[in-house]
N, C-alpha and C. Protein backbone atom coordinates (compact mmCIF):
# COMPACT_ATOMS: atom_id res chain seq x y z
N MET A 1 69.59 92.02 95.00
CA MET A 1 71.03 92.02 95.10
C MET A 1 71.54 93.46 95.08
N LYS A 2 72.43 93.78 95.98
CA LYS A 2 73.02 95.12 96.05
C LYS A 2 74.39 95.08 95.39
N ILE A 3 74.59 95.97 94.41
CA ILE A 3 75.80 95.99 93.59
C ILE A 3 76.40 97.40 93.62
N ILE A 4 77.72 97.48 93.70
CA ILE A 4 78.45 98.75 93.64
C ILE A 4 79.35 98.74 92.40
N ILE A 5 79.33 99.85 91.66
CA ILE A 5 80.16 99.98 90.47
C ILE A 5 80.85 101.34 90.49
N PRO A 6 82.19 101.39 90.40
CA PRO A 6 82.89 102.67 90.33
C PRO A 6 82.64 103.32 88.97
N THR A 7 82.42 104.63 88.97
CA THR A 7 82.14 105.33 87.71
C THR A 7 82.64 106.77 87.76
N ASN A 8 82.88 107.32 86.59
CA ASN A 8 83.23 108.74 86.46
C ASN A 8 82.13 109.50 85.73
N ASP A 9 81.28 108.76 85.00
CA ASP A 9 80.28 109.43 84.17
C ASP A 9 78.86 108.87 84.31
N ARG A 10 78.68 107.93 85.21
CA ARG A 10 77.39 107.29 85.48
C ARG A 10 76.89 106.42 84.33
N GLU A 11 77.71 106.20 83.33
CA GLU A 11 77.34 105.35 82.20
C GLU A 11 78.31 104.20 81.99
N THR A 12 79.58 104.43 82.33
CA THR A 12 80.60 103.40 82.15
C THR A 12 81.34 103.17 83.45
N ILE A 13 81.95 102.00 83.56
CA ILE A 13 82.71 101.67 84.75
C ILE A 13 84.04 102.42 84.70
N ALA A 14 84.49 102.91 85.84
CA ALA A 14 85.77 103.62 85.91
C ALA A 14 86.92 102.63 85.73
N VAL A 15 87.97 103.08 85.09
CA VAL A 15 89.11 102.21 84.84
C VAL A 15 89.81 101.81 86.14
N HIS A 16 89.94 102.72 87.09
CA HIS A 16 90.63 102.42 88.36
C HIS A 16 89.67 102.66 89.51
N THR A 17 89.37 101.62 90.25
CA THR A 17 88.37 101.68 91.32
C THR A 17 88.66 102.77 92.34
N GLY A 18 89.86 102.85 92.86
CA GLY A 18 90.19 103.80 93.92
C GLY A 18 90.24 105.25 93.48
N ARG A 19 90.31 105.48 92.18
CA ARG A 19 90.43 106.85 91.67
C ARG A 19 89.17 107.36 90.98
N CYS A 20 88.09 106.62 91.07
CA CYS A 20 86.86 107.05 90.40
C CYS A 20 86.26 108.28 91.08
N GLN A 21 85.37 108.95 90.37
CA GLN A 21 84.69 110.13 90.92
C GLN A 21 83.64 109.73 91.97
N GLU A 22 82.92 108.64 91.68
CA GLU A 22 81.84 108.21 92.56
C GLU A 22 81.56 106.74 92.38
N PHE A 23 80.71 106.22 93.27
CA PHE A 23 80.29 104.84 93.19
C PHE A 23 78.79 104.79 92.96
N ALA A 24 78.40 103.97 92.01
CA ALA A 24 76.98 103.76 91.72
C ALA A 24 76.52 102.57 92.54
N PHE A 25 75.44 102.76 93.30
CA PHE A 25 74.84 101.69 94.10
C PHE A 25 73.53 101.31 93.44
N TYR A 26 73.38 100.04 93.14
CA TYR A 26 72.15 99.54 92.55
C TYR A 26 71.61 98.41 93.41
N GLU A 27 70.31 98.40 93.56
CA GLU A 27 69.67 97.25 94.19
C GLU A 27 68.72 96.67 93.16
N LYS A 28 68.94 95.39 92.86
CA LYS A 28 68.10 94.72 91.87
C LYS A 28 67.28 93.64 92.57
N GLU A 29 66.06 93.52 92.09
CA GLU A 29 65.16 92.49 92.61
C GLU A 29 64.33 91.99 91.45
N ASN A 30 64.28 90.69 91.29
CA ASN A 30 63.53 90.08 90.18
C ASN A 30 63.92 90.68 88.82
N GLY A 31 65.22 90.94 88.66
CA GLY A 31 65.72 91.44 87.39
C GLY A 31 65.53 92.93 87.14
N LYS A 32 64.95 93.64 88.10
CA LYS A 32 64.69 95.08 87.91
C LYS A 32 65.47 95.90 88.95
N ILE A 33 65.90 97.08 88.52
CA ILE A 33 66.56 98.00 89.45
C ILE A 33 65.48 98.64 90.30
N ILE A 34 65.58 98.45 91.63
CA ILE A 34 64.58 99.05 92.51
C ILE A 34 65.11 100.29 93.21
N THR A 35 66.43 100.39 93.37
CA THR A 35 67.02 101.63 93.88
C THR A 35 68.35 101.88 93.17
N LYS A 36 68.66 103.17 93.04
CA LYS A 36 69.91 103.60 92.41
C LYS A 36 70.36 104.85 93.14
N ALA A 37 71.64 104.90 93.52
CA ALA A 37 72.19 106.07 94.19
C ALA A 37 73.65 106.22 93.78
N PHE A 38 74.15 107.45 93.88
CA PHE A 38 75.54 107.73 93.56
C PHE A 38 76.19 108.39 94.78
N ILE A 39 77.33 107.85 95.20
CA ILE A 39 78.05 108.34 96.37
C ILE A 39 79.44 108.77 95.92
N LYS A 40 79.83 110.00 96.29
CA LYS A 40 81.18 110.47 95.97
C LYS A 40 82.21 109.55 96.59
N ASN A 41 83.31 109.37 95.91
CA ASN A 41 84.39 108.51 96.37
C ASN A 41 85.02 109.13 97.63
N PRO A 42 84.87 108.49 98.80
CA PRO A 42 85.43 109.05 100.03
C PRO A 42 86.95 108.92 100.10
N HIS A 43 87.53 108.16 99.21
CA HIS A 43 88.97 107.90 99.20
C HIS A 43 89.72 108.89 98.32
N LYS A 44 88.98 109.71 97.60
CA LYS A 44 89.56 110.65 96.64
C LYS A 44 89.86 111.99 97.32
N HIS A 45 91.03 112.53 97.04
CA HIS A 45 91.43 113.83 97.58
C HIS A 45 91.48 114.84 96.45
N ASN A 46 90.70 115.88 96.54
CA ASN A 46 90.67 116.92 95.51
C ASN A 46 90.43 116.32 94.12
N ASP A 47 91.34 116.58 93.17
CA ASP A 47 91.14 116.09 91.82
C ASP A 47 91.94 114.83 91.51
N GLU A 48 92.65 114.31 92.51
CA GLU A 48 93.46 113.12 92.27
C GLU A 48 93.01 112.01 93.19
N GLY A 49 93.23 110.78 92.79
CA GLY A 49 92.93 109.64 93.65
C GLY A 49 93.91 109.61 94.80
N CYS A 50 93.54 108.93 95.85
CA CYS A 50 94.39 108.83 97.03
C CYS A 50 95.77 108.30 96.67
N CYS A 51 95.81 107.29 95.84
CA CYS A 51 97.08 106.67 95.50
C CYS A 51 98.02 107.66 94.82
N ALA A 52 97.47 108.62 94.11
CA ALA A 52 98.29 109.63 93.45
C ALA A 52 98.82 110.65 94.45
N GLN A 53 98.18 110.76 95.59
CA GLN A 53 98.58 111.73 96.60
C GLN A 53 99.74 111.25 97.46
N HIS A 54 99.86 109.96 97.64
CA HIS A 54 100.87 109.40 98.53
C HIS A 54 102.09 108.98 97.73
N SER A 55 103.24 109.18 98.32
CA SER A 55 104.46 108.79 97.62
C SER A 55 105.44 108.19 98.62
N GLY A 56 106.53 107.71 98.11
CA GLY A 56 107.57 107.17 98.95
C GLY A 56 107.11 105.94 99.71
N GLU A 57 107.48 105.88 100.99
CA GLU A 57 107.18 104.70 101.79
C GLU A 57 105.88 104.82 102.54
N HIS A 58 105.17 105.89 102.37
CA HIS A 58 103.90 106.07 103.08
C HIS A 58 102.92 104.97 102.66
N GLN A 59 102.44 104.23 103.63
CA GLN A 59 101.45 103.20 103.36
C GLN A 59 100.09 103.73 103.76
N HIS A 60 99.12 103.49 102.96
CA HIS A 60 97.77 103.92 103.29
C HIS A 60 96.84 102.72 103.22
N ASN A 61 95.70 102.88 103.85
CA ASN A 61 94.73 101.80 103.77
C ASN A 61 93.50 102.30 103.04
N HIS A 62 92.57 101.45 102.88
CA HIS A 62 91.36 101.77 102.14
C HIS A 62 90.15 101.61 103.05
N LYS A 63 90.32 101.99 104.30
CA LYS A 63 89.28 101.79 105.30
C LYS A 63 87.93 102.35 104.86
N GLU A 64 87.93 103.58 104.33
CA GLU A 64 86.66 104.18 103.93
C GLU A 64 86.02 103.46 102.75
N LEU A 65 86.83 102.92 101.85
CA LEU A 65 86.28 102.16 100.73
C LEU A 65 85.74 100.81 101.21
N VAL A 66 86.49 100.14 102.06
CA VAL A 66 86.04 98.85 102.59
C VAL A 66 84.72 99.02 103.32
N GLU A 67 84.61 100.07 104.10
CA GLU A 67 83.36 100.34 104.83
C GLU A 67 82.20 100.57 103.85
N LEU A 68 82.44 101.33 102.82
CA LEU A 68 81.42 101.61 101.82
C LEU A 68 81.02 100.33 101.07
N PHE A 69 82.01 99.56 100.65
CA PHE A 69 81.74 98.34 99.88
C PHE A 69 81.03 97.27 100.71
N SER A 70 81.22 97.31 102.01
CA SER A 70 80.57 96.31 102.87
C SER A 70 79.05 96.47 102.90
N LYS A 71 78.54 97.57 102.37
CA LYS A 71 77.10 97.82 102.34
C LYS A 71 76.41 97.14 101.16
N ALA A 72 77.19 96.48 100.32
CA ALA A 72 76.63 95.80 99.15
C ALA A 72 77.05 94.33 99.16
N GLU A 73 76.43 93.58 98.30
CA GLU A 73 76.77 92.17 98.19
C GLU A 73 77.90 91.91 97.20
N LEU A 74 78.08 92.87 96.26
CA LEU A 74 79.08 92.65 95.22
C LEU A 74 79.62 93.97 94.70
N LEU A 75 80.93 94.04 94.57
CA LEU A 75 81.61 95.16 93.92
C LEU A 75 82.02 94.69 92.53
N ILE A 76 81.62 95.42 91.52
CA ILE A 76 82.06 95.14 90.15
C ILE A 76 83.19 96.13 89.85
N TYR A 77 84.29 95.65 89.32
CA TYR A 77 85.43 96.53 89.05
C TYR A 77 86.00 96.26 87.66
N TYR A 78 86.74 97.23 87.16
CA TYR A 78 87.47 97.07 85.90
C TYR A 78 88.93 96.77 86.24
N ALA A 79 89.51 97.61 87.14
CA ALA A 79 90.87 97.40 87.62
C ALA A 79 90.98 97.98 89.02
N MET A 80 91.82 97.35 89.83
CA MET A 80 92.08 97.87 91.17
C MET A 80 93.45 97.40 91.62
N GLY A 81 94.01 98.14 92.55
CA GLY A 81 95.33 97.81 93.07
C GLY A 81 95.32 96.58 93.96
N LYS A 82 96.48 95.97 94.10
CA LYS A 82 96.62 94.76 94.91
C LYS A 82 96.26 95.02 96.36
N ARG A 83 96.66 96.16 96.92
CA ARG A 83 96.36 96.43 98.33
C ARG A 83 94.86 96.49 98.57
N LEU A 84 94.12 97.14 97.69
CA LEU A 84 92.67 97.19 97.85
C LEU A 84 92.08 95.79 97.73
N ARG A 85 92.54 95.03 96.77
CA ARG A 85 92.04 93.66 96.59
C ARG A 85 92.31 92.83 97.85
N ASP A 86 93.50 92.98 98.41
CA ASP A 86 93.84 92.26 99.65
C ASP A 86 92.92 92.66 100.80
N GLU A 87 92.64 93.96 100.92
CA GLU A 87 91.76 94.42 102.00
C GLU A 87 90.33 93.94 101.80
N LEU A 88 89.87 93.85 100.57
CA LEU A 88 88.54 93.31 100.30
C LEU A 88 88.46 91.86 100.74
N GLU A 89 89.48 91.09 100.42
CA GLU A 89 89.51 89.68 100.81
C GLU A 89 89.57 89.53 102.32
N GLU A 90 90.39 90.34 102.98
CA GLU A 90 90.49 90.28 104.45
C GLU A 90 89.16 90.59 105.12
N ASN A 91 88.35 91.41 104.47
CA ASN A 91 87.06 91.81 105.04
C ASN A 91 85.87 91.05 104.42
N HIS A 92 86.17 90.00 103.66
CA HIS A 92 85.15 89.12 103.08
C HIS A 92 84.14 89.88 102.23
N ILE A 93 84.66 90.80 101.40
CA ILE A 93 83.82 91.57 100.49
C ILE A 93 83.96 90.95 99.10
N SER A 94 82.85 90.57 98.52
CA SER A 94 82.85 89.93 97.21
C SER A 94 83.08 90.97 96.11
N TYR A 95 83.89 90.59 95.15
CA TYR A 95 84.14 91.46 94.00
C TYR A 95 84.27 90.61 92.75
N GLN A 96 84.01 91.25 91.62
CA GLN A 96 84.03 90.53 90.34
C GLN A 96 84.47 91.49 89.24
N LYS A 97 85.31 91.00 88.34
CA LYS A 97 85.76 91.81 87.20
C LYS A 97 84.59 92.03 86.24
N ALA A 98 84.46 93.23 85.75
CA ALA A 98 83.38 93.59 84.83
C ALA A 98 83.56 92.88 83.49
N SER A 99 82.46 92.47 82.91
CA SER A 99 82.48 91.82 81.60
C SER A 99 82.29 92.83 80.47
N SER A 100 81.98 94.07 80.85
CA SER A 100 81.73 95.14 79.88
C SER A 100 82.13 96.45 80.54
N VAL A 101 82.29 97.50 79.75
CA VAL A 101 82.54 98.82 80.33
C VAL A 101 81.23 99.58 80.54
N ASN A 102 80.17 99.14 79.88
CA ASN A 102 78.87 99.79 79.96
C ASN A 102 78.10 99.30 81.18
N ILE A 103 77.71 100.22 82.06
CA ILE A 103 77.03 99.85 83.30
C ILE A 103 75.71 99.14 83.03
N GLU A 104 74.94 99.60 82.05
CA GLU A 104 73.66 98.95 81.74
C GLU A 104 73.88 97.48 81.37
N GLU A 105 74.90 97.22 80.57
CA GLU A 105 75.20 95.84 80.18
C GLU A 105 75.65 95.01 81.37
N ILE A 106 76.44 95.59 82.24
CA ILE A 106 76.90 94.89 83.45
C ILE A 106 75.70 94.49 84.30
N LEU A 107 74.78 95.43 84.52
CA LEU A 107 73.64 95.18 85.39
C LEU A 107 72.70 94.11 84.83
N GLN A 108 72.67 93.94 83.54
CA GLN A 108 71.80 92.93 82.93
C GLN A 108 72.20 91.51 83.32
N GLU A 109 73.42 91.34 83.76
CA GLU A 109 73.91 90.01 84.14
C GLU A 109 73.39 89.54 85.49
N PHE A 110 72.85 90.44 86.28
CA PHE A 110 72.48 90.11 87.66
C PHE A 110 70.98 90.24 87.88
N GLN A 111 70.43 89.29 88.61
CA GLN A 111 69.01 89.31 88.95
C GLN A 111 68.88 90.06 90.24
């Protein structure tokens, strides 16, 4: 199973999916992690999340995040905005609220 988890410190899940520093990609097989990689958040601009950069009536999409998330079977999140959630549903990307803030504990739930 391929799982993506937003993180800022590689140990805990980031509070806001779109504003995290990077995404942790894990592939689990038979209960063991067989691959692990970290990808910088392509939606982040400089030191602020994309959502913090836009103001007023400017509408933005999450195309780069949707593309990234489509490479996994499941996105685990702590919190995310409604627009991102809507775009995930439109693109048939599975997501699930985290049961813990600790990434190791989250990963133990999945085979």
